[in-house]
PDB file of N, CA and C in Angstrom:
ATOM      1  N   UNK A   1     159.661 124.959 208.037  1.00  0.00           N
ATOM      2  CA  UNK A   1     160.635 126.047 208.141  1.00  0.00           C
ATOM      3  C   UNK A   1     160.240 127.068 209.155  1.00  0.00           C
ATOM      4  N   UNK A   2     159.099 126.870 209.888  1.00  0.00           N
ATOM      5  CA  UNK A   2     158.635 127.892 210.826  1.00  0.00           C
ATOM      6  C   UNK A   2     158.952 127.609 212.244  1.00  0.00           C
ATOM      7  N   UNK A   3     160.004 126.787 212.410  1.00  0.00           N
ATOM      8  CA  UNK A   3     160.293 126.359 213.765  1.00  0.00           C
ATOM      9  C   UNK A   3     160.840 127.486 214.672  1.00  0.00           C
ATOM     10  N   UNK A   4     161.113 128.603 214.145  1.00  0.00           N
ATOM     11  CA  UNK A   4     161.676 129.693 214.981  1.00  0.00           C
ATOM     12  C   UNK A   4     160.610 130.660 215.565  1.00  0.00           C
ATOM     13  N   UNK A   5     159.322 130.499 215.115  1.00  0.00           N
ATOM     14  CA  UNK A   5     158.340 131.515 215.632  1.00  0.00           C
ATOM     15  C   UNK A   5     158.045 131.366 217.118  1.00  0.00           C
ATOM     16  N   UNK A   6     158.153 130.129 217.691  1.00  0.00           N
ATOM     17  CA  UNK A   6     157.878 129.921 219.092  1.00  0.00           C
ATOM     18  C   UNK A   6     158.954 130.675 219.895  1.00  0.00           C
ATOM     19  N   UNK A   7     160.090 130.683 219.489  1.00  0.00           N
ATOM     20  CA  UNK A   7     161.224 131.408 220.165  1.00  0.00           C
ATOM     21  C   UNK A   7     161.029 132.892 220.116  1.00  0.00           C
ATOM     22  N   UNK A   8     160.473 133.333 218.911  1.00  0.00           N
ATOM     23  CA  UNK A   8     160.299 134.800 218.861  1.00  0.00           C
ATOM     24  C   UNK A   8     159.175 135.229 219.764  1.00  0.00           C
ATOM     25  N   UNK A   9     158.144 134.427 219.983  1.00  0.00           N
ATOM     26  CA  UNK A   9     157.044 134.755 220.860  1.00  0.00           C
ATOM     27  C   UNK A   9     157.531 134.847 222.282  1.00  0.00           C
ATOM     28  N   UNK A  10     158.360 133.868 222.649  1.00  0.00           N
ATOM     29  CA  UNK A  10     158.939 133.888 224.047  1.00  0.00           C
ATOM     30  C   UNK A  10     159.830 135.128 224.260  1.00  0.00           C
ATOM     31  N   UNK A  11     160.595 135.464 223.218  1.00  0.00           N
ATOM     32  CA  UNK A  11     161.460 136.648 223.312  1.00  0.00           C
ATOM     33  C   UNK A  11     160.624 137.917 223.406  1.00  0.00           C
ATOM     34  N   UNK A  12     159.458 137.933 222.681  1.00  0.00           N
ATOM     35  CA  UNK A  12     158.569 139.090 222.696  1.00  0.00           C
ATOM     36  C   UNK A  12     157.975 139.266 224.177  1.00  0.00           C
ATOM     37  N   UNK A  13     157.537 138.127 224.713  1.00  0.00           N
ATOM     38  CA  UNK A  13     156.932 138.232 226.077  1.00  0.00           C
ATOM     39  C   UNK A  13     158.020 138.663 227.097  1.00  0.00           C
ATOM     40  N   UNK A  14     159.146 138.128 226.918  1.00  0.00           N
ATOM     41  CA  UNK A  14     160.266 138.506 227.832  1.00  0.00           C
ATOM     42  C   UNK A  14     160.577 140.052 227.730  1.00  0.00           C
ATOM     43  N   UNK A  15     160.673 140.485 226.482  1.00  0.00           N
ATOM     44  CA  UNK A  15     160.983 141.930 226.324  1.00  0.00           C
ATOM     45  C   UNK A  15     159.845 142.767 226.936  1.00  0.00           C
ATOM     46  N   UNK A  16     158.588 142.391 226.763  1.00  0.00           N
ATOM     47  CA  UNK A  16     157.443 143.157 227.288  1.00  0.00           C
ATOM     48  C   UNK A  16     157.501 143.075 228.836  1.00  0.00           C
ATOM     49  N   UNK A  17     157.911 142.013 229.391  1.00  0.00           N
ATOM     50  CA  UNK A  17     157.987 141.794 230.840  1.00  0.00           C
ATOM     51  C   UNK A  17     159.137 142.688 231.365  1.00  0.00           C
ATOM     52  N   UNK A  18     160.254 142.707 230.712  1.00  0.00           N
ATOM     53  CA  UNK A  18     161.364 143.566 231.120  1.00  0.00           C
ATOM     54  C   UNK A  18     161.059 144.968 231.046  1.00  0.00           C
ATOM     55  N   UNK A  19     160.283 145.354 229.982  1.00  0.00           N
ATOM     56  CA  UNK A  19     159.872 146.858 229.906  1.00  0.00           C
ATOM     57  C   UNK A  19     158.969 147.214 231.044  1.00  0.00           C
ATOM     58  N   UNK A  20     157.966 146.304 231.316  1.00  0.00           N
ATOM     59  CA  UNK A  20     157.067 146.495 232.433  1.00  0.00           C
ATOM     60  C   UNK A  20     157.732 146.588 233.740  1.00  0.00           C
ATOM     61  N   UNK A  21     158.748 145.743 234.030  1.00  0.00           N
ATOM     62  CA  UNK A  21     159.617 145.844 235.210  1.00  0.00           C
ATOM     63  C   UNK A  21     160.326 147.216 235.307  1.00  0.00           C
ATOM     64  N   UNK A  22     161.001 147.452 234.220  1.00  0.00           N
ATOM     65  CA  UNK A  22     161.780 148.738 234.133  1.00  0.00           C
ATOM     66  C   UNK A  22     160.853 150.018 234.408  1.00  0.00           C
ATOM     67  N   UNK A  23     159.762 150.010 233.758  1.00  0.00           N
ATOM     68  CA  UNK A  23     158.735 151.064 234.015  1.00  0.00           C
ATOM     69  C   UNK A  23     158.335 151.216 235.407  1.00  0.00           C
ATOM     70  N   UNK A  24     157.932 150.103 236.027  1.00  0.00           N
ATOM     71  CA  UNK A  24     157.416 150.154 237.361  1.00  0.00           C
ATOM     72  C   UNK A  24     158.556 150.535 238.363  1.00  0.00           C
ATOM     73  N   UNK A  25     159.758 150.004 238.152  1.00  0.00           N
ATOM     74  CA  UNK A  25     160.856 150.526 238.997  1.00  0.00           C
ATOM     75  C   UNK A  25     161.161 151.887 238.852  1.00  0.00           C
ATOM     76  N   UNK A  26     161.164 152.461 237.672  1.00  0.00           N
ATOM     77  CA  UNK A  26     161.355 153.832 237.491  1.00  0.00           C
ATOM     78  C   UNK A  26     160.239 154.631 238.196  1.00  0.00           C
ATOM     79  N   UNK A  27     159.080 154.309 238.052  1.00  0.00           N
ATOM     80  CA  UNK A  27     158.003 155.038 238.868  1.00  0.00           C
ATOM     81  C   UNK A  27     158.187 154.962 240.329  1.00  0.00           C
ATOM     82  N   UNK A  28     158.566 153.753 240.838  1.00  0.00           N
ATOM     83  CA  UNK A  28     158.825 153.616 242.194  1.00  0.00           C
ATOM     84  C   UNK A  28     159.983 154.523 242.615  1.00  0.00           C
ATOM     85  N   UNK A  29     161.064 154.550 242.007  1.00  0.00           N
ATOM     86  CA  UNK A  29     162.260 155.348 242.362  1.00  0.00           C
ATOM     87  C   UNK A  29     161.790 156.864 242.349  1.00  0.00           C
ATOM     88  N   UNK A  30     161.101 157.194 241.257  1.00  0.00           N
ATOM     89  CA  UNK A  30     160.677 158.588 241.162  1.00  0.00           C
ATOM     90  C   UNK A  30     159.740 158.974 242.366  1.00  0.00           C
ATOM     91  N   UNK A  31     158.874 158.109 242.787  1.00  0.00           N
ATOM     92  CA  UNK A  31     158.101 158.388 243.917  1.00  0.00           C
ATOM     93  C   UNK A  31     158.835 158.500 245.231  1.00  0.00           C
ATOM     94  N   UNK A  32     159.876 157.652 245.428  1.00  0.00           N
ATOM     95  CA  UNK A  32     160.721 157.685 246.583  1.00  0.00           C
ATOM     96  C   UNK A  32     161.526 159.015 246.556  1.00  0.00           C
ATOM     97  N   UNK A  33     162.113 159.392 245.409  1.00  0.00           N
ATOM     98  CA  UNK A  33     162.849 160.616 245.280  1.00  0.00           C
ATOM     99  C   UNK A  33     161.966 161.847 245.600  1.00  0.00           C
ATOM    100  N   UNK A  34     160.716 161.718 245.139  1.00  0.00           N
ATOM    101  CA  UNK A  34     159.739 162.914 245.486  1.00  0.00           C
ATOM    102  C   UNK A  34     159.477 162.963 246.940  1.00  0.00           C
ATOM    103  N   UNK A  35     159.438 161.825 247.577  1.00  0.00           N
ATOM    104  CA  UNK A  35     159.185 161.906 249.084  1.00  0.00           C
ATOM    105  C   UNK A  35     160.383 162.442 249.787  1.00  0.00           C
ATOM    106  N   UNK A  36     161.622 162.145 249.336  1.00  0.00           N
ATOM    107  CA  UNK A  36     162.786 162.669 249.996  1.00  0.00           C
ATOM    108  C   UNK A  36     162.838 164.233 249.869  1.00  0.00           C
ATOM    109  N   UNK A  37     162.387 164.748 248.837  1.00  0.00           N
ATOM    110  CA  UNK A  37     162.393 166.210 248.640  1.00  0.00           C
ATOM    111  C   UNK A  37     161.277 166.854 249.206  1.00  0.00           C
ATOM    112  N   UNK A  38     160.056 166.318 249.028  1.00  0.00           N
ATOM    113  CA  UNK A  38     158.828 167.112 249.452  1.00  0.00           C
ATOM    114  C   UNK A  38     158.358 166.889 250.788  1.00  0.00           C
ATOM    115  N   UNK A  39     158.687 165.705 251.413  1.00  0.00           N
ATOM    116  CA  UNK A  39     158.175 165.446 252.740  1.00  0.00           C
ATOM    117  C   UNK A  39     158.749 166.277 253.875  1.00  0.00           C
ATOM    118  N   UNK A  40     160.046 166.607 253.909  1.00  0.00           N
ATOM    119  CA  UNK A  40     160.543 167.402 255.036  1.00  0.00           C
ATOM    120  C   UNK A  40     159.755 168.807 255.120  1.00  0.00           C
ATOM    121  N   UNK A  41     159.676 169.579 254.063  1.00  0.00           N
ATOM    122  CA  UNK A  41     158.918 170.882 254.231  1.00  0.00           C
ATOM    123  C   UNK A  41     157.464 170.684 254.539  1.00  0.00           C
ATOM    124  N   UNK A  42     156.874 169.623 253.949  1.00  0.00           N
ATOM    125  CA  UNK A  42     155.451 169.368 254.195  1.00  0.00           C
ATOM    126  C   UNK A  42     155.259 168.928 255.650  1.00  0.00           C
ATOM    127  N   UNK A  43     156.123 168.151 256.175  1.00  0.00           N
ATOM    128  CA  UNK A  43     156.086 167.734 257.535  1.00  0.00           C
ATOM    129  C   UNK A  43     156.193 168.872 258.516  1.00  0.00           C
ATOM    130  N   UNK A  44     157.091 169.812 258.278  1.00  0.00           N
ATOM    131  CA  UNK A  44     157.156 171.014 259.050  1.00  0.00           C
ATOM    132  C   UNK A  44     155.982 171.838 259.046  1.00  0.00           C
ATOM    133  N   UNK A  45     155.398 172.017 257.804  1.00  0.00           N
ATOM    134  CA  UNK A  45     154.106 172.770 257.718  1.00  0.00           C
ATOM    135  C   UNK A  45     152.940 172.117 258.485  1.00  0.00           C
ATOM    136  N   UNK A  46     152.972 170.799 258.501  1.00  0.00           N
ATOM    137  CA  UNK A  46     151.957 169.991 259.212  1.00  0.00           C
ATOM    138  C   UNK A  46     152.185 169.884 260.741  1.00  0.00           C
ATOM    139  N   UNK A  47     153.398 170.421 261.119  1.00  0.00           N
ATOM    140  CA  UNK A  47     153.656 170.363 262.596  1.00  0.00           C
ATOM    141  C   UNK A  47     154.401 169.116 263.051  1.00  0.00           C
ATOM    142  N   UNK A  48     154.908 168.373 262.170  1.00  0.00           N
ATOM    143  CA  UNK A  48     155.771 167.245 262.568  1.00  0.00           C
ATOM    144  C   UNK A  48     157.144 167.597 262.860  1.00  0.00           C
ATOM    145  N   UNK A  49     157.772 166.974 263.832  1.00  0.00           N
ATOM    146  CA  UNK A  49     159.142 167.261 264.169  1.00  0.00           C
ATOM    147  C   UNK A  49     160.065 166.616 263.093  1.00  0.00           C
ATOM    148  N   UNK A  50     161.312 166.913 263.058  1.00  0.00           N
ATOM    149  CA  UNK A  50     162.199 166.365 262.121  1.00  0.00           C
ATOM    150  C   UNK A  50     162.422 164.855 262.327  1.00  0.00           C
ATOM    151  N   UNK A  51     162.305 164.453 263.576  1.00  0.00           N
ATOM    152  CA  UNK A  51     162.430 162.998 263.952  1.00  0.00           C
ATOM    153  C   UNK A  51     161.240 162.236 263.426  1.00  0.00           C
ATOM    154  N   UNK A  52     159.987 162.805 263.472  1.00  0.00           N
ATOM    155  CA  UNK A  52     158.786 162.145 263.014  1.00  0.00           C
ATOM    156  C   UNK A  52     158.873 162.056 261.482  1.00  0.00           C
ATOM    157  N   UNK A  53     159.300 163.081 260.843  1.00  0.00           N
ATOM    158  CA  UNK A  53     159.469 163.048 259.351  1.00  0.00           C
ATOM    159  C   UNK A  53     160.477 162.083 258.947  1.00  0.00           C
ATOM    160  N   UNK A  54     161.556 161.991 259.670  1.00  0.00           N
ATOM    161  CA  UNK A  54     162.650 160.985 259.388  1.00  0.00           C
ATOM    162  C   UNK A  54     162.077 159.601 259.573  1.00  0.00           C
ATOM    163  N   UNK A  55     161.232 159.388 260.601  1.00  0.00           N
ATOM    164  CA  UNK A  55     160.567 158.105 260.822  1.00  0.00           C
ATOM    165  C   UNK A  55     159.679 157.697 259.695  1.00  0.00           C
ATOM    166  N   UNK A  56     159.022 158.662 259.252  1.00  0.00           N
ATOM    167  CA  UNK A  56     158.082 158.293 258.081  1.00  0.00           C
ATOM    168  C   UNK A  56     158.872 157.856 256.866  1.00  0.00           C
ATOM    169  N   UNK A  57     159.963 158.561 256.643  1.00  0.00           N
ATOM    170  CA  UNK A  57     160.802 158.254 255.457  1.00  0.00           C
ATOM    171  C   UNK A  57     161.525 156.868 255.696  1.00  0.00           C
ATOM    172  N   UNK A  58     161.982 156.685 256.862  1.00  0.00           N
ATOM    173  CA  UNK A  58     162.626 155.413 257.261  1.00  0.00           C
ATOM    174  C   UNK A  58     161.664 154.163 257.163  1.00  0.00           C
ATOM    175  N   UNK A  59     160.440 154.324 257.668  1.00  0.00           N
ATOM    176  CA  UNK A  59     159.482 153.321 257.609  1.00  0.00           C
ATOM    177  C   UNK A  59     159.155 152.914 256.135  1.00  0.00           C
ATOM    178  N   UNK A  60     158.943 153.957 255.337  1.00  0.00           N
ATOM    179  CA  UNK A  60     158.607 153.608 253.929  1.00  0.00           C
ATOM    180  C   UNK A  60     159.786 152.872 253.265  1.00  0.00           C
ATOM    181  N   UNK A  61     161.070 153.284 253.522  1.00  0.00           N
ATOM    182  CA  UNK A  61     162.123 152.578 252.944  1.00  0.00           C
ATOM    183  C   UNK A  61     162.267 151.092 253.438  1.00  0.00           C
ATOM    184  N   UNK A  62     161.993 150.965 254.796  1.00  0.00           N
ATOM    185  CA  UNK A  62     161.924 149.607 255.352  1.00  0.00           C
ATOM    186  C   UNK A  62     160.887 148.751 254.806  1.00  0.00           C
ATOM    187  N   UNK A  63     159.719 149.318 254.550  1.00  0.00           N
ATOM    188  CA  UNK A  63     158.668 148.507 253.869  1.00  0.00           C
ATOM    189  C   UNK A  63     158.993 148.106 252.492  1.00  0.00           C
ATOM    190  N   UNK A  64     159.562 149.029 251.732  1.00  0.00           N
ATOM    191  CA  UNK A  64     160.029 148.581 250.415  1.00  0.00           C
ATOM    192  C   UNK A  64     161.087 147.474 250.413  1.00  0.00           C
ATOM    193  N   UNK A  65     161.974 147.654 251.389  1.00  0.00           N
ATOM    194  CA  UNK A  65     163.006 146.556 251.496  1.00  0.00           C
ATOM    195  C   UNK A  65     162.438 145.252 251.941  1.00  0.00           C
ATOM    196  N   UNK A  66     161.474 145.315 252.889  1.00  0.00           N
ATOM    197  CA  UNK A  66     160.865 144.045 253.438  1.00  0.00           C
ATOM    198  C   UNK A  66     159.960 143.416 252.383  1.00  0.00           C
ATOM    199  N   UNK A  67     159.374 144.226 251.506  1.00  0.00           N
ATOM    200  CA  UNK A  67     158.371 143.587 250.502  1.00  0.00           C
ATOM    201  C   UNK A  67     159.127 143.079 249.298  1.00  0.00           C
ATOM    202  N   UNK A  68     160.408 143.442 249.079  1.00  0.00           N
ATOM    203  CA  UNK A  68     161.103 143.012 247.962  1.00  0.00           C
ATOM    204  C   UNK A  68     161.128 141.477 247.698  1.00  0.00           C
ATOM    205  N   UNK A  69     161.401 140.674 248.797  1.00  0.00           N
ATOM    206  CA  UNK A  69     161.308 139.236 248.535  1.00  0.00           C
ATOM    207  C   UNK A  69     159.973 138.668 248.115  1.00  0.00           C
ATOM    208  N   UNK A  70     158.934 139.336 248.675  1.00  0.00           N
ATOM    209  CA  UNK A  70     157.604 138.946 248.211  1.00  0.00           C
ATOM    210  C   UNK A  70     157.246 139.262 246.759  1.00  0.00           C
ATOM    211  N   UNK A  71     157.857 140.362 246.328  1.00  0.00           N
ATOM    212  CA  UNK A  71     157.698 140.670 244.878  1.00  0.00           C
ATOM    213  C   UNK A  71     158.476 139.671 244.006  1.00  0.00           C
ATOM    214  N   UNK A  72     159.577 139.309 244.551  1.00  0.00           N
ATOM    215  CA  UNK A  72     160.485 138.292 243.820  1.00  0.00           C
ATOM    216  C   UNK A  72     159.685 136.942 243.681  1.00  0.00           C
ATOM    217  N   UNK A  73     159.061 136.544 244.748  1.00  0.00           N
ATOM    218  CA  UNK A  73     158.429 135.267 244.758  1.00  0.00           C
ATOM    219  C   UNK A  73     157.232 135.360 243.768  1.00  0.00           C
ATOM    220  N   UNK A  74     156.448 136.450 243.842  1.00  0.00           N
ATOM    221  CA  UNK A  74     155.287 136.556 242.946  1.00  0.00           C
ATOM    222  C   UNK A  74     155.696 136.783 241.480  1.00  0.00           C
ATOM    223  N   UNK A  75     156.785 137.325 241.283  1.00  0.00           N
ATOM    224  CA  UNK A  75     157.318 137.584 239.928  1.00  0.00           C
ATOM    225  C   UNK A  75     157.730 136.253 239.258  1.00  0.00           C
ATOM    226  N   UNK A  76     158.255 135.316 240.133  1.00  0.00           N
ATOM    227  CA  UNK A  76     158.777 134.068 239.617  1.00  0.00           C
ATOM    228  C   UNK A  76     157.778 132.962 239.368  1.00  0.00           C
ATOM    229  N   UNK A  77     156.549 133.267 239.879  1.00  0.00           N
ATOM    230  CA  UNK A  77     155.469 132.260 239.700  1.00  0.00           C
ATOM    231  C   UNK A  77     154.828 132.209 238.298  1.00  0.00           C
TER     232      UNK A  77
END
């Protein structure tokens, strides 16, 4: 009568993996939001032009977008 325990273990691992994914995405989004708010004044203080600061923000967003398929591949292995 214990044939359901394997299913519960798989469900528990799936729930833990989903929580880890949710937590990491939340931290990632929080970091990006912080960059959007904090980098422009910091860039001006360091002597960067608005174009240079915008380039830094754009490059970081492009790197996140370009690395998404790699994260997908590694997550599915």
